[in-house]
Amino acid sequence: MADNPRNNINLVIPFPFASSPAQVVGITSDYFIETVSYSLSFFPIPLPFSLFPTPASTEVSIATIAEKTTGLLSHGSLRLSSPNEAKATPLVRFNYFSDPVDLSRCVKGVRKMGDMMNTNSMDRFKYTGFNGERGFMFLGPALPSNWSDDLSVEDYCQSTVTTFWHYHGGCLVGKVVDGDFRVMGINSLRVVDGSTFTISPGTNPQATLMMLGRYIGLKMLRERRENLRRFLPVQDSYVL
């Protein structure tokens, strides 16, 4: 199994900002850069200490800049936790950045995020402090202060890594399912999802999975019609 690592920063925006899913993606051979924006409800006074039973909340605009490492060489494992209980949660380990090439790709992506933060276009997202200095306000970890130090950026990659929910593998074609996605050794069972992929295609695998699901579904219907024609009398073929 494998999972594309995600490292991101969350900027608190100093003005109301429209919520938006990822619409534009920066693509390189080593990493993708994606952005989303959304609003969070924030209570300036903690609820237990408020004078009012239902204190007003403040909407805070957040912009997330995320780096996704691609072309993974790091792989993990999927093991059954129980040989008898099908509902038991399996044991999954992704081994993020176990291959140094993946870690070096993350370093490149984080540095690119740092380059973006230093552009003039990002200046309007900064706050002005009491001393007059301008800077970003982060929700969660900020980028490492020393981008030129490989060890510092590598440590940031490893300490802030999380999932992009694009995990794949564990039910590979040729090992668990055949070329028609039938589970080997079992009748009338197919698997068509990300577990059959050796890589996660594109910036998001949803479109590929929907296309593949439709393709296999139509193929199953066609096979069913062909099987019915073999057994039904010719005069009853109109029901097809």
C-alpha atoms as a PDB file:
ATOM      1  CA  MET A   1       0.000   0.000   0.000  1.00  0.00           C
ATOM      2  CA  ALA A   2       0.969   3.627  -0.388  1.00  0.00           C
ATOM      3  CA  ASP A   3      -0.427   7.044   0.412  1.00  0.00           C
ATOM      4  CA  ASN A   4       0.562  10.384  -1.087  1.00  0.00           C
ATOM      5  CA  PRO A   5       1.902  12.544   1.763  1.00  0.00           C
ATOM      6  CA  ARG A   6       0.434  15.986   2.344  1.00  0.00           C
ATOM      7  CA  ASN A   7       2.187  18.888   4.048  1.00  0.00           C
ATOM      8  CA  ASN A   8       0.308  22.148   4.333  1.00  0.00           C
ATOM      9  CA  ILE A   9       0.079  25.526   6.021  1.00  0.00           C
ATOM     10  CA  ASN A  10      -3.122  27.275   7.104  1.00  0.00           C
ATOM     11  CA  LEU A  11      -3.209  31.057   6.815  1.00  0.00           C
ATOM     12  CA  VAL A  12      -5.668  33.153   8.819  1.00  0.00           C
ATOM     13  CA  ILE A  13      -6.831  35.795   6.326  1.00  0.00           C
ATOM     14  CA  PRO A  14      -7.278  39.362   7.678  1.00  0.00           C
ATOM     15  CA  PHE A  15     -10.460  39.995   5.684  1.00  0.00           C
ATOM     16  CA  PRO A  16     -13.572  38.014   4.625  1.00  0.00           C
ATOM     17  CA  PHE A  17     -12.637  35.594   1.862  1.00  0.00           C
ATOM     18  CA  ALA A  18     -14.898  33.410  -0.268  1.00  0.00           C
ATOM     19  CA  SER A  19     -14.736  29.671   0.339  1.00  0.00           C
ATOM     20  CA  SER A  20     -13.391  27.755  -2.632  1.00  0.00           C
ATOM     21  CA  PRO A  21     -12.307  24.173  -3.387  1.00  0.00           C
ATOM     22  CA  ALA A  22      -9.087  23.465  -5.246  1.00  0.00           C
ATOM     23  CA  GLN A  23      -9.529  24.911  -8.746  1.00  0.00           C
ATOM     24  CA  VAL A  24      -5.962  25.523  -9.900  1.00  0.00           C
ATOM     25  CA  VAL A  25      -3.101  23.099  -9.276  1.00  0.00           C
ATOM     26  CA  GLY A  26       0.607  23.654  -9.755  1.00  0.00           C
ATOM     27  CA  ILE A  27       2.023  20.431 -11.214  1.00  0.00           C
ATOM     28  CA  THR A  28       5.645  19.302 -11.375  1.00  0.00           C
ATOM     29  CA  SER A  29       7.179  15.855 -11.742  1.00  0.00           C
ATOM     30  CA  ASP A  30       7.944  15.755  -7.994  1.00  0.00           C
ATOM     31  CA  TYR A  31       5.017  17.469  -6.271  1.00  0.00           C
ATOM     32  CA  PHE A  32       1.679  19.243  -6.700  1.00  0.00           C
ATOM     33  CA  ILE A  33       0.678  22.526  -5.042  1.00  0.00           C
ATOM     34  CA  GLU A  34      -3.030  22.989  -4.288  1.00  0.00           C
ATOM     35  CA  THR A  35      -4.985  25.664  -2.422  1.00  0.00           C
ATOM     36  CA  VAL A  36      -8.415  25.790  -0.787  1.00  0.00           C
ATOM     37  CA  SER A  37     -10.192  28.429   1.283  1.00  0.00           C
ATOM     38  CA  TYR A  38     -12.962  28.089   3.852  1.00  0.00           C
ATOM     39  CA  SER A  39     -14.474  29.679   6.958  1.00  0.00           C
ATOM     40  CA  LEU A  40     -14.260  28.519  10.567  1.00  0.00           C
ATOM     41  CA  SER A  41     -16.455  29.559  13.480  1.00  0.00           C
ATOM     42  CA  PHE A  42     -14.327  31.035  16.241  1.00  0.00           C
ATOM     43  CA  PHE A  43     -15.420  31.883  19.799  1.00  0.00           C
ATOM     44  CA  PRO A  44     -13.280  34.786  21.139  1.00  0.00           C
ATOM     45  CA  ILE A  45     -14.293  33.856  24.722  1.00  0.00           C
ATOM     46  CA  PRO A  46     -14.220  30.191  25.739  1.00  0.00           C
ATOM     47  CA  LEU A  47     -17.758  28.942  26.332  1.00  0.00           C
ATOM     48  CA  PRO A  48     -17.305  27.994  30.038  1.00  0.00           C
ATOM     49  CA  PHE A  49     -16.151  31.561  30.869  1.00  0.00           C
ATOM     50  CA  SER A  50     -18.656  33.503  28.779  1.00  0.00           C
ATOM     51  CA  LEU A  51     -21.229  35.770  30.475  1.00  0.00           C
ATOM     52  CA  PHE A  52     -23.784  34.750  27.873  1.00  0.00           C
ATOM     53  CA  PRO A  53     -25.282  31.266  27.461  1.00  0.00           C
ATOM     54  CA  THR A  54     -24.797  31.387  23.691  1.00  0.00           C
ATOM     55  CA  PRO A  55     -21.963  33.815  22.904  1.00  0.00           C
ATOM     56  CA  ALA A  56     -21.670  35.065  19.342  1.00  0.00           C
ATOM     57  CA  SER A  57     -19.109  33.376  17.161  1.00  0.00           C
ATOM     58  CA  THR A  58     -16.820  35.034  14.659  1.00  0.00           C
ATOM     59  CA  GLU A  59     -16.285  33.664  11.177  1.00  0.00           C
ATOM     60  CA  VAL A  60     -12.590  33.410  10.376  1.00  0.00           C
ATOM     61  CA  SER A  61     -11.400  32.920   6.794  1.00  0.00           C
ATOM     62  CA  ILE A  62      -8.675  30.323   6.312  1.00  0.00           C
ATOM     63  CA  ALA A  63      -6.522  29.635   3.249  1.00  0.00           C
ATOM     64  CA  THR A  64      -4.733  26.299   3.051  1.00  0.00           C
ATOM     65  CA  ILE A  65      -1.714  25.830   0.803  1.00  0.00           C
ATOM     66  CA  ALA A  66      -0.878  22.153   0.447  1.00  0.00           C
ATOM     67  CA  GLU A  67       1.974  20.207  -1.108  1.00  0.00           C
ATOM     68  CA  LYS A  68       1.356  16.659  -2.348  1.00  0.00           C
ATOM     69  CA  THR A  69       4.336  14.394  -3.006  1.00  0.00           C
ATOM     70  CA  THR A  70       3.911  12.322  -6.173  1.00  0.00           C
ATOM     71  CA  GLY A  71       5.656   9.385  -7.854  1.00  0.00           C
ATOM     72  CA  LEU A  72       5.981   7.561  -4.557  1.00  0.00           C
ATOM     73  CA  LEU A  73       8.783   5.116  -3.900  1.00  0.00           C
ATOM     74  CA  SER A  74       7.831   4.601  -0.244  1.00  0.00           C
ATOM     75  CA  HIS A  75       5.428   1.734   0.345  1.00  0.00           C
ATOM     76  CA  GLY A  76       3.737   0.311   3.395  1.00  0.00           C
ATOM     77  CA  SER A  77       1.677  -2.734   4.209  1.00  0.00           C
ATOM     78  CA  LEU A  78      -1.868  -3.947   4.818  1.00  0.00           C
ATOM     79  CA  ARG A  79      -2.416  -6.883   7.143  1.00  0.00           C
ATOM     80  CA  LEU A  80      -5.485  -8.558   8.585  1.00  0.00           C
ATOM     81  CA  SER A  81      -5.787  -8.038  12.330  1.00  0.00           C
ATOM     82  CA  SER A  82      -7.997 -11.110  12.697  1.00  0.00           C
ATOM     83  CA  PRO A  83      -8.184 -14.266  10.553  1.00  0.00           C
ATOM     84  CA  ASN A  84     -11.808 -14.845  11.568  1.00  0.00           C
ATOM     85  CA  GLU A  85     -13.493 -11.450  12.038  1.00  0.00           C
ATOM     86  CA  ALA A  86     -14.155  -9.696   8.720  1.00  0.00           C
ATOM     87  CA  LYS A  87     -15.227  -6.461  10.448  1.00  0.00           C
ATOM     88  CA  ALA A  88     -12.000  -6.117  12.416  1.00  0.00           C
ATOM     89  CA  THR A  89     -10.009  -3.024  11.434  1.00  0.00           C
ATOM     90  CA  PRO A  90      -6.965  -4.095   9.386  1.00  0.00           C
ATOM     91  CA  LEU A  91      -3.421  -3.089  10.272  1.00  0.00           C
ATOM     92  CA  VAL A  92      -2.266  -0.393   7.847  1.00  0.00           C
ATOM     93  CA  ARG A  93       1.152   1.224   7.710  1.00  0.00           C
ATOM     94  CA  PHE A  94       2.095   3.696   4.963  1.00  0.00           C
ATOM     95  CA  ASN A  95       5.773   4.317   5.851  1.00  0.00           C
ATOM     96  CA  TYR A  96       5.744   7.952   4.731  1.00  0.00           C
ATOM     97  CA  PHE A  97       9.132   9.157   3.426  1.00  0.00           C
ATOM     98  CA  SER A  98      10.832   5.824   4.100  1.00  0.00           C
ATOM     99  CA  ASP A  99      12.510   6.306   0.717  1.00  0.00           C
ATOM    100  CA  PRO A 100      14.859   9.331   0.725  1.00  0.00           C
ATOM    101  CA  VAL A 101      13.762  10.296  -2.798  1.00  0.00           C
ATOM    102  CA  ASP A 102      10.232  10.966  -1.542  1.00  0.00           C
ATOM    103  CA  LEU A 103      11.619  13.082   1.279  1.00  0.00           C
ATOM    104  CA  SER A 104      13.705  15.130  -1.158  1.00  0.00           C
ATOM    105  CA  ARG A 105      10.590  15.744  -3.251  1.00  0.00           C
ATOM    106  CA  CYS A 106       8.764  17.037  -0.192  1.00  0.00           C
ATOM    107  CA  VAL A 107      11.673  19.389   0.525  1.00  0.00           C
ATOM    108  CA  LYS A 108      11.344  20.818  -2.979  1.00  0.00           C
ATOM    109  CA  GLY A 109       7.601  21.279  -2.555  1.00  0.00           C
ATOM    110  CA  VAL A 110       7.912  23.017   0.825  1.00  0.00           C
ATOM    111  CA  ARG A 111      10.530  25.376  -0.576  1.00  0.00           C
ATOM    112  CA  LYS A 112       8.202  26.197  -3.444  1.00  0.00           C
ATOM    113  CA  MET A 113       5.494  27.069  -0.915  1.00  0.00           C
ATOM    114  CA  GLY A 114       8.031  29.346   0.761  1.00  0.00           C
ATOM    115  CA  ASP A 115       8.787  31.030  -2.560  1.00  0.00           C
ATOM    116  CA  MET A 116       5.055  31.629  -3.027  1.00  0.00           C
ATOM    117  CA  MET A 117       4.776  33.217   0.416  1.00  0.00           C
ATOM    118  CA  ASN A 118       7.486  35.732  -0.504  1.00  0.00           C
ATOM    119  CA  THR A 119       5.703  37.043  -3.599  1.00  0.00           C
ATOM    120  CA  ASN A 120       4.045  40.462  -3.714  1.00  0.00           C
ATOM    121  CA  SER A 121       0.684  38.810  -4.403  1.00  0.00           C
ATOM    122  CA  MET A 122       0.690  37.303  -0.912  1.00  0.00           C
ATOM    123  CA  ASP A 123       1.368  40.590   0.877  1.00  0.00           C
ATOM    124  CA  ARG A 124      -2.334  41.389   1.318  1.00  0.00           C
ATOM    125  CA  PHE A 125      -2.745  38.262   3.448  1.00  0.00           C
ATOM    126  CA  LYS A 126      -0.332  39.592   6.089  1.00  0.00           C
ATOM    127  CA  TYR A 127      -1.222  41.196   9.416  1.00  0.00           C
ATOM    128  CA  THR A 128       0.396  44.336  10.820  1.00  0.00           C
ATOM    129  CA  GLY A 129       1.781  43.804  14.313  1.00  0.00           C
ATOM    130  CA  PHE A 130       2.015  46.288  17.205  1.00  0.00           C
ATOM    131  CA  ASN A 131       5.574  47.147  16.194  1.00  0.00           C
ATOM    132  CA  GLY A 132       4.513  47.866  12.616  1.00  0.00           C
ATOM    133  CA  GLU A 133       6.028  44.694  11.182  1.00  0.00           C
ATOM    134  CA  ARG A 134       3.918  42.709   8.750  1.00  0.00           C
ATOM    135  CA  GLY A 135       3.667  38.948   8.781  1.00  0.00           C
ATOM    136  CA  PHE A 136       1.407  35.973   8.288  1.00  0.00           C
ATOM    137  CA  MET A 137      -0.802  34.485  10.979  1.00  0.00           C
ATOM    138  CA  PHE A 138      -0.832  30.695  10.917  1.00  0.00           C
ATOM    139  CA  LEU A 139      -3.388  28.263  12.223  1.00  0.00           C
ATOM    140  CA  GLY A 140      -1.123  25.381  13.138  1.00  0.00           C
ATOM    141  CA  PRO A 141       2.551  24.988  12.192  1.00  0.00           C
ATOM    142  CA  ALA A 142       4.297  27.642  10.106  1.00  0.00           C
ATOM    143  CA  LEU A 143       6.896  26.905   7.456  1.00  0.00           C
ATOM    144  CA  PRO A 144      10.440  26.334   8.726  1.00  0.00           C
ATOM    145  CA  SER A 145      12.328  29.594   9.144  1.00  0.00           C
ATOM    146  CA  ASN A 146      15.498  28.287   7.476  1.00  0.00           C
ATOM    147  CA  TRP A 147      14.549  27.011   4.022  1.00  0.00           C
ATOM    148  CA  SER A 148      18.160  26.606   2.914  1.00  0.00           C
ATOM    149  CA  ASP A 149      18.873  23.948   5.548  1.00  0.00           C
ATOM    150  CA  ASP A 150      17.929  20.515   4.202  1.00  0.00           C
ATOM    151  CA  LEU A 151      17.720  18.937   7.660  1.00  0.00           C
ATOM    152  CA  SER A 152      15.365  21.641   8.908  1.00  0.00           C
ATOM    153  CA  VAL A 153      12.988  21.218   5.967  1.00  0.00           C
ATOM    154  CA  GLU A 154      13.211  17.414   6.132  1.00  0.00           C
ATOM    155  CA  ASP A 155      12.257  17.550   9.807  1.00  0.00           C
ATOM    156  CA  TYR A 156       9.306  19.784   8.912  1.00  0.00           C
ATOM    157  CA  CYS A 157       8.150  17.292   6.244  1.00  0.00           C
ATOM    158  CA  GLN A 158       8.301  14.378   8.661  1.00  0.00           C
ATOM    159  CA  SER A 159       6.736  16.157  11.647  1.00  0.00           C
ATOM    160  CA  THR A 160       3.777  17.699   9.779  1.00  0.00           C
ATOM    161  CA  VAL A 161       2.966  14.932   7.291  1.00  0.00           C
ATOM    162  CA  THR A 162      -0.646  13.851   6.957  1.00  0.00           C
ATOM    163  CA  THR A 163      -2.826  12.177   4.349  1.00  0.00           C
ATOM    164  CA  PHE A 164      -4.329  13.550   1.155  1.00  0.00           C
ATOM    165  CA  TRP A 165      -6.836  10.668   1.342  1.00  0.00           C
ATOM    166  CA  HIS A 166      -5.467   9.268  -1.926  1.00  0.00           C
ATOM    167  CA  TYR A 167      -4.228   5.980  -0.482  1.00  0.00           C
ATOM    168  CA  HIS A 168      -4.002   3.115  -2.917  1.00  0.00           C
ATOM    169  CA  GLY A 169      -2.867  -0.490  -3.251  1.00  0.00           C
ATOM    170  CA  GLY A 170      -3.650  -3.550  -1.176  1.00  0.00           C
ATOM    171  CA  CYS A 171      -5.915  -5.149  -3.787  1.00  0.00           C
ATOM    172  CA  LEU A 172      -3.745  -4.973  -6.882  1.00  0.00           C
ATOM    173  CA  VAL A 173      -4.671  -6.249 -10.321  1.00  0.00           C
ATOM    174  CA  GLY A 174      -2.895  -9.537 -10.973  1.00  0.00           C
ATOM    175  CA  LYS A 175      -2.444 -10.267  -7.264  1.00  0.00           C
ATOM    176  CA  VAL A 176      -5.891  -9.998  -5.681  1.00  0.00           C
ATOM    177  CA  VAL A 177      -8.169  -9.244  -8.642  1.00  0.00           C
ATOM    178  CA  ASP A 178      -7.884 -10.227 -12.294  1.00  0.00           C
ATOM    179  CA  GLY A 179      -7.975  -7.959 -15.335  1.00  0.00           C
ATOM    180  CA  ASP A 180     -11.767  -7.664 -15.051  1.00  0.00           C
ATOM    181  CA  PHE A 181     -11.476  -6.754 -11.354  1.00  0.00           C
ATOM    182  CA  ARG A 182     -12.898 -10.098 -10.212  1.00  0.00           C
ATOM    183  CA  VAL A 183     -11.561 -11.235  -6.854  1.00  0.00           C
ATOM    184  CA  MET A 184      -9.498 -14.329  -7.570  1.00  0.00           C
ATOM    185  CA  GLY A 185     -10.928 -17.551  -6.183  1.00  0.00           C
ATOM    186  CA  ILE A 186     -14.341 -16.032  -5.367  1.00  0.00           C
ATOM    187  CA  ASN A 187     -17.436 -16.031  -7.551  1.00  0.00           C
ATOM    188  CA  SER A 188     -19.556 -12.915  -8.151  1.00  0.00           C
ATOM    189  CA  LEU A 189     -17.321 -10.424  -6.359  1.00  0.00           C
ATOM    190  CA  ARG A 190     -15.415  -7.537  -7.921  1.00  0.00           C
ATOM    191  CA  VAL A 191     -13.474  -4.635  -6.457  1.00  0.00           C
ATOM    192  CA  VAL A 192     -13.259  -1.321  -8.305  1.00  0.00           C
ATOM    193  CA  ASP A 193     -11.681   1.347  -6.136  1.00  0.00           C
ATOM    194  CA  GLY A 194      -8.346   2.951  -5.298  1.00  0.00           C
ATOM    195  CA  SER A 195      -7.065  -0.236  -3.678  1.00  0.00           C
ATOM    196  CA  THR A 196      -6.525  -1.678  -7.173  1.00  0.00           C
ATOM    197  CA  PHE A 197      -4.161   1.154  -8.212  1.00  0.00           C
ATOM    198  CA  THR A 198      -0.388   1.002  -8.070  1.00  0.00           C
ATOM    199  CA  ILE A 199      -0.324   4.827  -8.174  1.00  0.00           C
ATOM    200  CA  SER A 200      -2.911   7.515  -7.471  1.00  0.00           C
ATOM    201  CA  PRO A 201      -3.649   9.092 -10.878  1.00  0.00           C
ATOM    202  CA  GLY A 202      -3.788  12.858 -11.393  1.00  0.00           C
ATOM    203  CA  THR A 203      -4.333  15.440  -8.695  1.00  0.00           C
ATOM    204  CA  ASN A 204      -7.418  13.556  -7.494  1.00  0.00           C
ATOM    205  CA  PRO A 205      -8.383   9.971  -8.421  1.00  0.00           C
ATOM    206  CA  GLN A 206     -12.164  10.529  -8.283  1.00  0.00           C
ATOM    207  CA  ALA A 207     -12.710  11.039 -12.015  1.00  0.00           C
ATOM    208  CA  THR A 208     -10.607   7.992 -12.904  1.00  0.00           C
ATOM    209  CA  LEU A 209     -12.482   5.835 -10.393  1.00  0.00           C
ATOM    210  CA  MET A 210     -15.886   7.011 -11.637  1.00  0.00           C
ATOM    211  CA  MET A 211     -14.876   6.283 -15.233  1.00  0.00           C
ATOM    212  CA  LEU A 212     -13.526   2.864 -14.293  1.00  0.00           C
ATOM    213  CA  GLY A 213     -16.617   2.021 -12.231  1.00  0.00           C
ATOM    214  CA  ARG A 214     -18.895   2.904 -15.142  1.00  0.00           C
ATOM    215  CA  TYR A 215     -16.746   0.915 -17.579  1.00  0.00           C
ATOM    216  CA  ILE A 216     -16.827  -2.212 -15.419  1.00  0.00           C
ATOM    217  CA  GLY A 217     -20.550  -1.764 -14.697  1.00  0.00           C
ATOM    218  CA  LEU A 218     -21.389  -1.601 -18.406  1.00  0.00           C
ATOM    219  CA  LYS A 219     -19.157  -4.591 -19.054  1.00  0.00           C
ATOM    220  CA  MET A 220     -20.997  -6.594 -16.385  1.00  0.00           C
ATOM    221  CA  LEU A 221     -24.369  -5.720 -17.943  1.00  0.00           C
ATOM    222  CA  ARG A 222     -23.113  -6.729 -21.390  1.00  0.00           C
ATOM    223  CA  GLU A 223     -21.826 -10.057 -20.049  1.00  0.00           C
ATOM    224  CA  ARG A 224     -25.158 -10.646 -18.309  1.00  0.00           C
ATOM    225  CA  ARG A 225     -27.105 -10.046 -21.538  1.00  0.00           C
ATOM    226  CA  GLU A 226     -24.837 -12.418 -23.436  1.00  0.00           C
ATOM    227  CA  ASN A 227     -25.328 -15.125 -20.800  1.00  0.00           C
ATOM    228  CA  LEU A 228     -29.113 -14.690 -20.896  1.00  0.00           C
ATOM    229  CA  ARG A 229     -29.154 -15.066 -24.683  1.00  0.00           C
ATOM    230  CA  ARG A 230     -27.459 -18.437 -24.379  1.00  0.00           C
ATOM    231  CA  PHE A 231     -30.165 -19.873 -22.145  1.00  0.00           C
ATOM    232  CA  LEU A 232     -33.371 -18.099 -23.216  1.00  0.00           C
ATOM    233  CA  PRO A 233     -35.405 -19.411 -26.185  1.00  0.00           C
ATOM    234  CA  VAL A 234     -35.192 -17.289 -29.311  1.00  0.00           C
ATOM    235  CA  GLN A 235     -38.880 -16.267 -29.091  1.00  0.00           C
ATOM    236  CA  ASP A 236     -38.312 -14.776 -25.639  1.00  0.00           C
ATOM    237  CA  SER A 237     -35.313 -12.725 -26.644  1.00  0.00           C
ATOM    238  CA  TYR A 238     -37.462  -9.577 -26.862  1.00  0.00           C
ATOM    239  CA  VAL A 239     -37.242  -9.216 -23.059  1.00  0.00           C
ATOM    240  CA  LEU A 240     -33.597  -8.300 -23.465  1.00  0.00           C
END
